[in-house]
All heavy atoms as atom14 arrays in JSON, in Angstrom:
{
  "sequence": "VPPKYDRDEHRDAVSDLWQRIAAYCESMDINPSAITSKR",
  "atom14_mask": [
    [1, 1, 1, 1, 1, 1, 1, 0, 0, 0, 0, 0, 0, 0],
    [1, 1, 1, 1, 1, 1, 1, 0, 0, 0, 0, 0, 0, 0],
    [1, 1, 1, 1, 1, 1, 1, 0, 0, 0, 0, 0, 0, 0],
    [1, 1, 1, 1, 1, 1, 1, 1, 1, 0, 0, 0, 0, 0],
    [1, 1, 1, 1, 1, 1, 1, 1, 1, 1, 1, 1, 0, 0],
    [1, 1, 1, 1, 1, 1, 1, 1, 0, 0, 0, 0, 0, 0],
    [1, 1, 1, 1, 1, 1, 1, 1, 1, 1, 1, 0, 0, 0],
    [1, 1, 1, 1, 1, 1, 1, 1, 0, 0, 0, 0, 0, 0],
    [1, 1, 1, 1, 1, 1, 1, 1, 1, 0, 0, 0, 0, 0],
    [1, 1, 1, 1, 1, 1, 1, 1, 1, 1, 0, 0, 0, 0],
    [1, 1, 1, 1, 1, 1, 1, 1, 1, 1, 1, 0, 0, 0],
    [1, 1, 1, 1, 1, 1, 1, 1, 0, 0, 0, 0, 0, 0],
    [1, 1, 1, 1, 1, 0, 0, 0, 0, 0, 0, 0, 0, 0],
    [1, 1, 1, 1, 1, 1, 1, 0, 0, 0, 0, 0, 0, 0],
    [1, 1, 1, 1, 1, 1, 0, 0, 0, 0, 0, 0, 0, 0],
    [1, 1, 1, 1, 1, 1, 1, 1, 0, 0, 0, 0, 0, 0],
    [1, 1, 1, 1, 1, 1, 1, 1, 0, 0, 0, 0, 0, 0],
    [1, 1, 1, 1, 1, 1, 1, 1, 1, 1, 1, 1, 1, 1],
    [1, 1, 1, 1, 1, 1, 1, 1, 1, 0, 0, 0, 0, 0],
    [1, 1, 1, 1, 1, 1, 1, 1, 1, 1, 1, 0, 0, 0],
    [1, 1, 1, 1, 1, 1, 1, 1, 0, 0, 0, 0, 0, 0],
    [1, 1, 1, 1, 1, 0, 0, 0, 0, 0, 0, 0, 0, 0],
    [1, 1, 1, 1, 1, 0, 0, 0, 0, 0, 0, 0, 0, 0],
    [1, 1, 1, 1, 1, 1, 1, 1, 1, 1, 1, 1, 0, 0],
    [1, 1, 1, 1, 1, 1, 0, 0, 0, 0, 0, 0, 0, 0],
    [1, 1, 1, 1, 1, 1, 1, 1, 1, 0, 0, 0, 0, 0],
    [1, 1, 1, 1, 1, 1, 0, 0, 0, 0, 0, 0, 0, 0],
    [1, 1, 1, 1, 1, 1, 1, 1, 0, 0, 0, 0, 0, 0],
    [1, 1, 1, 1, 1, 1, 1, 1, 0, 0, 0, 0, 0, 0],
    [1, 1, 1, 1, 1, 1, 1, 1, 0, 0, 0, 0, 0, 0],
    [1, 1, 1, 1, 1, 1, 1, 1, 0, 0, 0, 0, 0, 0],
    [1, 1, 1, 1, 1, 1, 1, 0, 0, 0, 0, 0, 0, 0],
    [1, 1, 1, 1, 1, 1, 0, 0, 0, 0, 0, 0, 0, 0],
    [1, 1, 1, 1, 1, 0, 0, 0, 0, 0, 0, 0, 0, 0],
    [1, 1, 1, 1, 1, 1, 1, 1, 0, 0, 0, 0, 0, 0],
    [1, 1, 1, 1, 1, 1, 1, 0, 0, 0, 0, 0, 0, 0],
    [1, 1, 1, 1, 1, 1, 0, 0, 0, 0, 0, 0, 0, 0],
    [1, 1, 1, 1, 1, 1, 1, 1, 1, 0, 0, 0, 0, 0],
    [1, 1, 1, 1, 1, 1, 1, 1, 1, 1, 1, 0, 0, 0]
  ],
  "atom14_positions": [
    [[2.33, 9.65, 20.09], [0.96, 9.19, 20.33], [0.84, 7.75, 19.84], [1.03, 7.48, 18.65], [-0.04, 10.09, 19.58], [-1.47, 9.59, 19.8], [0.11, 11.54, 20.02], [0.0, 0.0, 0.0], [0.0, 0.0, 0.0], [0.0, 0.0, 0.0], [0.0, 0.0, 0.0], [0.0, 0.0, 0.0], [0.0, 0.0, 0.0], [0.0, 0.0, 0.0]],
    [[0.58, 6.82, 20.74], [0.48, 5.43, 20.3], [-0.71, 5.23, 19.38], [-1.77, 5.85, 19.56], [0.29, 4.65, 21.62], [-0.26, 5.65, 22.57], [0.32, 6.97, 22.18], [0.0, 0.0, 0.0], [0.0, 0.0, 0.0], [0.0, 0.0, 0.0], [0.0, 0.0, 0.0], [0.0, 0.0, 0.0], [0.0, 0.0, 0.0], [0.0, 0.0, 0.0]],
    [[-0.56, 4.41, 18.37], [-1.68, 4.2, 17.44], [-2.84, 3.49, 18.13], [-2.66, 2.66, 19.02], [-1.06, 3.31, 16.36], [0.11, 2.64, 17.01], [0.63, 3.63, 18.0], [0.0, 0.0, 0.0], [0.0, 0.0, 0.0], [0.0, 0.0, 0.0], [0.0, 0.0, 0.0], [0.0, 0.0, 0.0], [0.0, 0.0, 0.0], [0.0, 0.0, 0.0]],
    [[-4.05, 3.85, 17.7], [-5.25, 3.23, 18.25], [-5.73, 2.06, 17.39], [-6.57, 1.27, 17.82], [-6.36, 4.28, 18.37], [-6.02, 5.44, 19.29], [-7.13, 6.49, 19.26], [-6.75, 7.7, 20.12], [-7.79, 8.76, 20.06], [0.0, 0.0, 0.0], [0.0, 0.0, 0.0], [0.0, 0.0, 0.0], [0.0, 0.0, 0.0], [0.0, 0.0, 0.0]],
    [[-5.23, 2.01, 16.19], [-5.7, 0.97, 15.28], [-5.16, -0.41, 15.65], [-4.14, -0.53, 16.33], [-5.33, 1.32, 13.83], [-3.85, 1.58, 13.6], [-2.92, 0.54, 13.58], [-3.38, 2.88, 13.37], [-1.58, 0.78, 13.35], [-2.05, 3.12, 13.15], [-1.15, 2.07, 13.14], [0.19, 2.31, 12.92], [0.0, 0.0, 0.0], [0.0, 0.0, 0.0]],
    [[-5.85, -1.41, 15.16], [-5.41, -2.79, 15.33], [-4.28, -3.08, 14.33], [-4.41, -2.78, 13.14], [-6.59, -3.75, 15.08], [-6.2, -5.2, 15.23], [-6.17, -5.7, 16.37], [-5.9, -5.83, 14.19], [0.0, 0.0, 0.0], [0.0, 0.0, 0.0], [0.0, 0.0, 0.0], [0.0, 0.0, 0.0], [0.0, 0.0, 0.0], [0.0, 0.0, 0.0]],
    [[-3.19, -3.65, 14.83], [-2.02, -3.85, 13.97], [-2.32, -4.78, 12.8], [-1.83, -4.57, 11.69], [-0.85, -4.38, 14.81], [-0.29, -3.36, 15.79], [0.94, -3.9, 16.51], [1.47, -2.92, 17.44], [2.32, -1.95, 17.12], [2.72, -1.83, 15.86], [2.76, -1.1, 18.03], [0.0, 0.0, 0.0], [0.0, 0.0, 0.0], [0.0, 0.0, 0.0]],
    [[-3.09, -5.81, 13.04], [-3.4, -6.75, 11.96], [-4.27, -6.06, 10.9], [-4.06, -6.25, 9.69], [-4.13, -7.97, 12.51], [-3.2, -8.86, 13.34], [-1.97, -8.77, 13.14], [-3.71, -9.63, 14.18], [0.0, 0.0, 0.0], [0.0, 0.0, 0.0], [0.0, 0.0, 0.0], [0.0, 0.0, 0.0], [0.0, 0.0, 0.0], [0.0, 0.0, 0.0]],
    [[-5.24, -5.27, 11.35], [-6.08, -4.54, 10.4], [-5.25, -3.53, 9.61], [-5.46, -3.34, 8.41], [-7.21, -3.82, 11.14], [-8.26, -4.76, 11.74], [-9.36, -3.99, 12.44], [-9.35, -2.74, 12.37], [-10.22, -4.63, 13.06], [0.0, 0.0, 0.0], [0.0, 0.0, 0.0], [0.0, 0.0, 0.0], [0.0, 0.0, 0.0], [0.0, 0.0, 0.0]],
    [[-4.3, -2.89, 10.31], [-3.43, -1.92, 9.64], [-2.6, -2.61, 8.58], [-2.49, -2.13, 7.44], [-2.53, -1.24, 10.67], [-1.55, -0.27, 10.09], [-0.23, -0.61, 9.82], [-1.69, 1.04, 9.7], [0.39, 0.43, 9.33], [-0.46, 1.44, 9.23], [0.0, 0.0, 0.0], [0.0, 0.0, 0.0], [0.0, 0.0, 0.0], [0.0, 0.0, 0.0]],
    [[-1.99, -3.74, 8.92], [-1.17, -4.47, 7.96], [-1.99, -4.88, 6.74], [-1.55, -4.73, 5.58], [-0.59, -5.72, 8.63], [0.34, -6.53, 7.71], [0.64, -7.89, 8.29], [-0.58, -8.68, 8.41], [-0.98, -9.27, 9.52], [-0.28, -9.16, 10.64], [-2.11, -9.97, 9.54], [0.0, 0.0, 0.0], [0.0, 0.0, 0.0], [0.0, 0.0, 0.0]],
    [[-3.2, -5.37, 6.97], [-4.04, -5.79, 5.85], [-4.45, -4.6, 4.99], [-4.52, -4.71, 3.76], [-5.29, -6.51, 6.38], [-4.95, -7.84, 7.04], [-3.83, -8.34, 6.82], [-5.81, -8.36, 7.79], [0.0, 0.0, 0.0], [0.0, 0.0, 0.0], [0.0, 0.0, 0.0], [0.0, 0.0, 0.0], [0.0, 0.0, 0.0], [0.0, 0.0, 0.0]],
    [[-4.72, -3.45, 5.64], [-5.13, -2.26, 4.88], [-3.98, -1.73, 4.03], [-4.18, -1.31, 2.88], [-5.63, -1.18, 5.84], [0.0, 0.0, 0.0], [0.0, 0.0, 0.0], [0.0, 0.0, 0.0], [0.0, 0.0, 0.0], [0.0, 0.0, 0.0], [0.0, 0.0, 0.0], [0.0, 0.0, 0.0], [0.0, 0.0, 0.0], [0.0, 0.0, 0.0]],
    [[-2.77, -1.76, 4.58], [-1.6, -1.33, 3.81], [-1.39, -2.25, 2.62], [-1.13, -1.8, 1.5], [-0.35, -1.29, 4.71], [0.91, -1.08, 3.87], [-0.46, -0.2, 5.76], [0.0, 0.0, 0.0], [0.0, 0.0, 0.0], [0.0, 0.0, 0.0], [0.0, 0.0, 0.0], [0.0, 0.0, 0.0], [0.0, 0.0, 0.0], [0.0, 0.0, 0.0]],
    [[-1.5, -3.56, 2.86], [-1.32, -4.52, 1.77], [-2.36, -4.31, 0.68], [-2.05, -4.36, -0.51], [-1.41, -5.94, 2.34], [-1.28, -6.9, 1.3], [0.0, 0.0, 0.0], [0.0, 0.0, 0.0], [0.0, 0.0, 0.0], [0.0, 0.0, 0.0], [0.0, 0.0, 0.0], [0.0, 0.0, 0.0], [0.0, 0.0, 0.0], [0.0, 0.0, 0.0]],
    [[-3.61, -4.05, 1.09], [-4.68, -3.84, 0.12], [-4.43, -2.58, -0.7], [-4.58, -2.57, -1.93], [-6.02, -3.74, 0.84], [-7.16, -3.43, -0.12], [-7.49, -4.29, -0.94], [-7.7, -2.3, -0.04], [0.0, 0.0, 0.0], [0.0, 0.0, 0.0], [0.0, 0.0, 0.0], [0.0, 0.0, 0.0], [0.0, 0.0, 0.0], [0.0, 0.0, 0.0]],
    [[-4.02, -1.48, -0.01], [-3.75, -0.24, -0.73], [-2.58, -0.4, -1.68], [-2.61, 0.09, -2.81], [-3.48, 0.9, 0.27], [-3.2, 2.28, -0.34], [-4.36, 2.73, -1.22], [-2.91, 3.31, 0.75], [0.0, 0.0, 0.0], [0.0, 0.0, 0.0], [0.0, 0.0, 0.0], [0.0, 0.0, 0.0], [0.0, 0.0, 0.0], [0.0, 0.0, 0.0]],
    [[-1.53, -1.09, -1.23], [-0.37, -1.32, -2.09], [-0.79, -2.09, -3.35], [-0.36, -1.75, -4.45], [0.71, -2.09, -1.33], [1.84, -2.52, -2.21], [2.05, -3.76, -2.75], [2.91, -1.7, -2.71], [3.17, -3.77, -3.53], [3.71, -2.51, -3.52], [3.24, -0.35, -2.54], [4.85, -2.04, -4.16], [4.38, 0.13, -3.19], [5.17, -0.7, -3.98]],
    [[-1.62, -3.11, -3.18], [-2.05, -3.9, -4.33], [-2.86, -3.06, -5.3], [-2.72, -3.19, -6.54], [-2.85, -5.11, -3.86], [-2.01, -6.16, -3.14], [-2.84, -7.29, -2.55], [-4.01, -7.45, -2.91], [-2.26, -8.06, -1.65], [0.0, 0.0, 0.0], [0.0, 0.0, 0.0], [0.0, 0.0, 0.0], [0.0, 0.0, 0.0], [0.0, 0.0, 0.0]],
    [[-3.72, -2.17, -4.77], [-4.51, -1.32, -5.67], [-3.63, -0.32, -6.41], [-3.82, -0.06, -7.61], [-5.6, -0.6, -4.86], [-6.74, -1.52, -4.45], [-7.9, -0.76, -3.83], [-7.62, -0.33, -2.47], [-7.82, 0.89, -2.01], [-8.27, 1.84, -2.81], [-7.57, 1.19, -0.76], [0.0, 0.0, 0.0], [0.0, 0.0, 0.0], [0.0, 0.0, 0.0]],
    [[-2.66, 0.26, -5.68], [-1.74, 1.2, -6.34], [-0.88, 0.47, -7.36], [-0.64, 0.97, -8.47], [-0.87, 1.91, -5.27], [-1.71, 2.92, -4.49], [0.32, 2.61, -5.92], [-0.97, 3.6, -3.35], [0.0, 0.0, 0.0], [0.0, 0.0, 0.0], [0.0, 0.0, 0.0], [0.0, 0.0, 0.0], [0.0, 0.0, 0.0], [0.0, 0.0, 0.0]],
    [[-0.41, -0.74, -7.0], [0.43, -1.5, -7.92], [-0.34, -1.85, -9.2], [0.19, -1.72, -10.31], [0.93, -2.77, -7.24], [0.0, 0.0, 0.0], [0.0, 0.0, 0.0], [0.0, 0.0, 0.0], [0.0, 0.0, 0.0], [0.0, 0.0, 0.0], [0.0, 0.0, 0.0], [0.0, 0.0, 0.0], [0.0, 0.0, 0.0], [0.0, 0.0, 0.0]],
    [[-1.6, -2.26, -9.04], [-2.4, -2.6, -10.22], [-2.61, -1.37, -11.11], [-2.53, -1.45, -12.34], [-3.74, -3.19, -9.78], [0.0, 0.0, 0.0], [0.0, 0.0, 0.0], [0.0, 0.0, 0.0], [0.0, 0.0, 0.0], [0.0, 0.0, 0.0], [0.0, 0.0, 0.0], [0.0, 0.0, 0.0], [0.0, 0.0, 0.0], [0.0, 0.0, 0.0]],
    [[-2.88, -0.23, -10.47], [-3.09, 1.0, -11.23], [-1.82, 1.41, -11.96], [-1.85, 1.76, -13.15], [-3.56, 2.1, -10.29], [-3.74, 3.45, -10.95], [-4.81, 3.68, -11.8], [-2.84, 4.48, -10.72], [-4.99, 4.92, -12.41], [-3.0, 5.72, -11.33], [-4.07, 5.93, -12.16], [-4.23, 7.16, -12.78], [0.0, 0.0, 0.0], [0.0, 0.0, 0.0]],
    [[-0.68, 1.38, -11.24], [0.59, 1.77, -11.86], [0.96, 0.82, -13.0], [1.41, 1.26, -14.07], [1.7, 1.78, -10.81], [1.6, 3.16, -9.65], [0.0, 0.0, 0.0], [0.0, 0.0, 0.0], [0.0, 0.0, 0.0], [0.0, 0.0, 0.0], [0.0, 0.0, 0.0], [0.0, 0.0, 0.0], [0.0, 0.0, 0.0], [0.0, 0.0, 0.0]],
    [[0.77, -0.48, -12.76], [1.15, -1.44, -13.8], [0.27, -1.29, -15.04], [0.71, -1.55, -16.16], [1.08, -2.85, -13.24], [2.23, -3.13, -12.27], [2.02, -4.36, -11.41], [1.05, -5.11, -11.68], [2.83, -4.57, -10.48], [0.0, 0.0, 0.0], [0.0, 0.0, 0.0], [0.0, 0.0, 0.0], [0.0, 0.0, 0.0], [0.0, 0.0, 0.0]],
    [[-0.97, -0.83, -14.85], [-1.82, -0.58, -16.01], [-1.29, 0.58, -16.84], [-1.62, 0.71, -18.03], [-3.26, -0.28, -15.56], [-3.35, 1.01, -14.97], [0.0, 0.0, 0.0], [0.0, 0.0, 0.0], [0.0, 0.0, 0.0], [0.0, 0.0, 0.0], [0.0, 0.0, 0.0], [0.0, 0.0, 0.0], [0.0, 0.0, 0.0], [0.0, 0.0, 0.0]],
    [[-0.48, 1.44, -16.19], [0.12, 2.58, -16.89], [1.57, 2.3, -17.27], [2.29, 3.22, -17.7], [0.05, 3.82, -16.0], [-1.35, 4.27, -15.66], [-1.35, 5.78, -14.65], [-0.63, 6.96, -15.79], [0.0, 0.0, 0.0], [0.0, 0.0, 0.0], [0.0, 0.0, 0.0], [0.0, 0.0, 0.0], [0.0, 0.0, 0.0], [0.0, 0.0, 0.0]],
    [[2.03, 1.07, -17.08], [3.41, 0.69, -17.38], [4.4, 1.42, -16.48], [5.48, 1.83, -16.91], [3.73, 0.97, -18.85], [4.89, 0.13, -19.38], [5.18, -0.92, -18.77], [5.52, 0.52, -20.38], [0.0, 0.0, 0.0], [0.0, 0.0, 0.0], [0.0, 0.0, 0.0], [0.0, 0.0, 0.0], [0.0, 0.0, 0.0], [0.0, 0.0, 0.0]],
    [[4.04, 1.58, -15.2], [4.89, 2.24, -14.21], [5.19, 1.24, -13.1], [4.29, 0.52, -12.64], [4.21, 3.48, -13.62], [3.98, 4.54, -14.7], [5.02, 4.08, -12.48], [3.17, 5.74, -14.22], [0.0, 0.0, 0.0], [0.0, 0.0, 0.0], [0.0, 0.0, 0.0], [0.0, 0.0, 0.0], [0.0, 0.0, 0.0], [0.0, 0.0, 0.0]],
    [[6.42, 1.19, -12.66], [6.75, 0.36, -11.52], [6.28, 1.07, -10.25], [6.7, 2.21, -9.99], [8.26, 0.11, -11.46], [8.65, -0.92, -10.42], [8.31, -0.8, -9.25], [9.36, -1.95, -10.85], [0.0, 0.0, 0.0], [0.0, 0.0, 0.0], [0.0, 0.0, 0.0], [0.0, 0.0, 0.0], [0.0, 0.0, 0.0], [0.0, 0.0, 0.0]],
    [[5.43, 0.45, -9.43], [4.9, 1.16, -8.25], [5.98, 1.59, -7.26], [5.79, 2.56, -6.52], [3.93, 0.14, -7.63], [4.35, -1.18, -8.18], [4.88, -0.9, -9.54], [0.0, 0.0, 0.0], [0.0, 0.0, 0.0], [0.0, 0.0, 0.0], [0.0, 0.0, 0.0], [0.0, 0.0, 0.0], [0.0, 0.0, 0.0], [0.0, 0.0, 0.0]],
    [[7.1, 0.9, -7.24], [8.19, 1.29, -6.33], [8.8, 2.62, -6.71], [9.49, 3.23, -5.89], [9.26, 0.19, -6.29], [8.75, -1.0, -5.73], [0.0, 0.0, 0.0], [0.0, 0.0, 0.0], [0.0, 0.0, 0.0], [0.0, 0.0, 0.0], [0.0, 0.0, 0.0], [0.0, 0.0, 0.0], [0.0, 0.0, 0.0], [0.0, 0.0, 0.0]],
    [[8.59, 3.07, -7.95], [9.06, 4.4, -8.35], [8.14, 5.5, -7.82], [8.49, 6.68, -7.9], [9.15, 4.48, -9.87], [0.0, 0.0, 0.0], [0.0, 0.0, 0.0], [0.0, 0.0, 0.0], [0.0, 0.0, 0.0], [0.0, 0.0, 0.0], [0.0, 0.0, 0.0], [0.0, 0.0, 0.0], [0.0, 0.0, 0.0], [0.0, 0.0, 0.0]],
    [[6.99, 5.1, -7.27], [6.0, 6.06, -6.8], [5.97, 6.13, -5.28], [5.94, 7.21, -4.69], [4.59, 5.7, -7.32], [4.62, 5.53, -8.85], [3.58, 6.75, -6.92], [5.05, 6.76, -9.61], [0.0, 0.0, 0.0], [0.0, 0.0, 0.0], [0.0, 0.0, 0.0], [0.0, 0.0, 0.0], [0.0, 0.0, 0.0], [0.0, 0.0, 0.0]],
    [[5.97, 4.98, -4.62], [5.83, 4.95, -3.17], [6.39, 3.64, -2.62], [6.99, 2.85, -3.36], [4.35, 5.12, -2.77], [4.25, 5.25, -1.35], [3.5, 3.95, -3.23], [0.0, 0.0, 0.0], [0.0, 0.0, 0.0], [0.0, 0.0, 0.0], [0.0, 0.0, 0.0], [0.0, 0.0, 0.0], [0.0, 0.0, 0.0], [0.0, 0.0, 0.0]],
    [[6.2, 3.44, -1.33], [6.66, 2.21, -0.66], [5.63, 1.8, 0.37], [4.79, 2.6, 0.81], [8.01, 2.46, 0.03], [7.85, 3.39, 1.09], [0.0, 0.0, 0.0], [0.0, 0.0, 0.0], [0.0, 0.0, 0.0], [0.0, 0.0, 0.0], [0.0, 0.0, 0.0], [0.0, 0.0, 0.0], [0.0, 0.0, 0.0], [0.0, 0.0, 0.0]],
    [[5.68, 0.55, 0.8], [4.75, 0.09, 1.83], [4.98, 0.84, 3.14], [4.02, 1.07, 3.9], [4.9, -1.41, 2.04], [4.28, -2.26, 0.93], [4.29, -3.73, 1.3], [3.58, -4.55, 0.22], [3.55, -5.99, 0.56], [0.0, 0.0, 0.0], [0.0, 0.0, 0.0], [0.0, 0.0, 0.0], [0.0, 0.0, 0.0], [0.0, 0.0, 0.0]],
    [[6.22, 1.21, 3.41], [6.49, 1.96, 4.64], [5.78, 3.31, 4.61], [5.18, 3.73, 5.62], [7.99, 2.15, 4.8], [8.37, 2.89, 6.08], [9.86, 2.89, 6.27], [10.24, 3.55, 7.53], [11.48, 3.61, 7.99], [12.45, 3.06, 7.31], [11.73, 4.24, 9.13], [0.0, 0.0, 0.0], [0.0, 0.0, 0.0], [0.0, 0.0, 0.0]]
  ]
}
């Protein structure tokens, strides 16, 4: 099923979510890459 979302909006949303997860993990002294990935 081809995605309906706009690719640029998707990229920006992924980047925003990654930054929020990274900030949260770093506040706990956790490397976010040990939790998830942008993919």
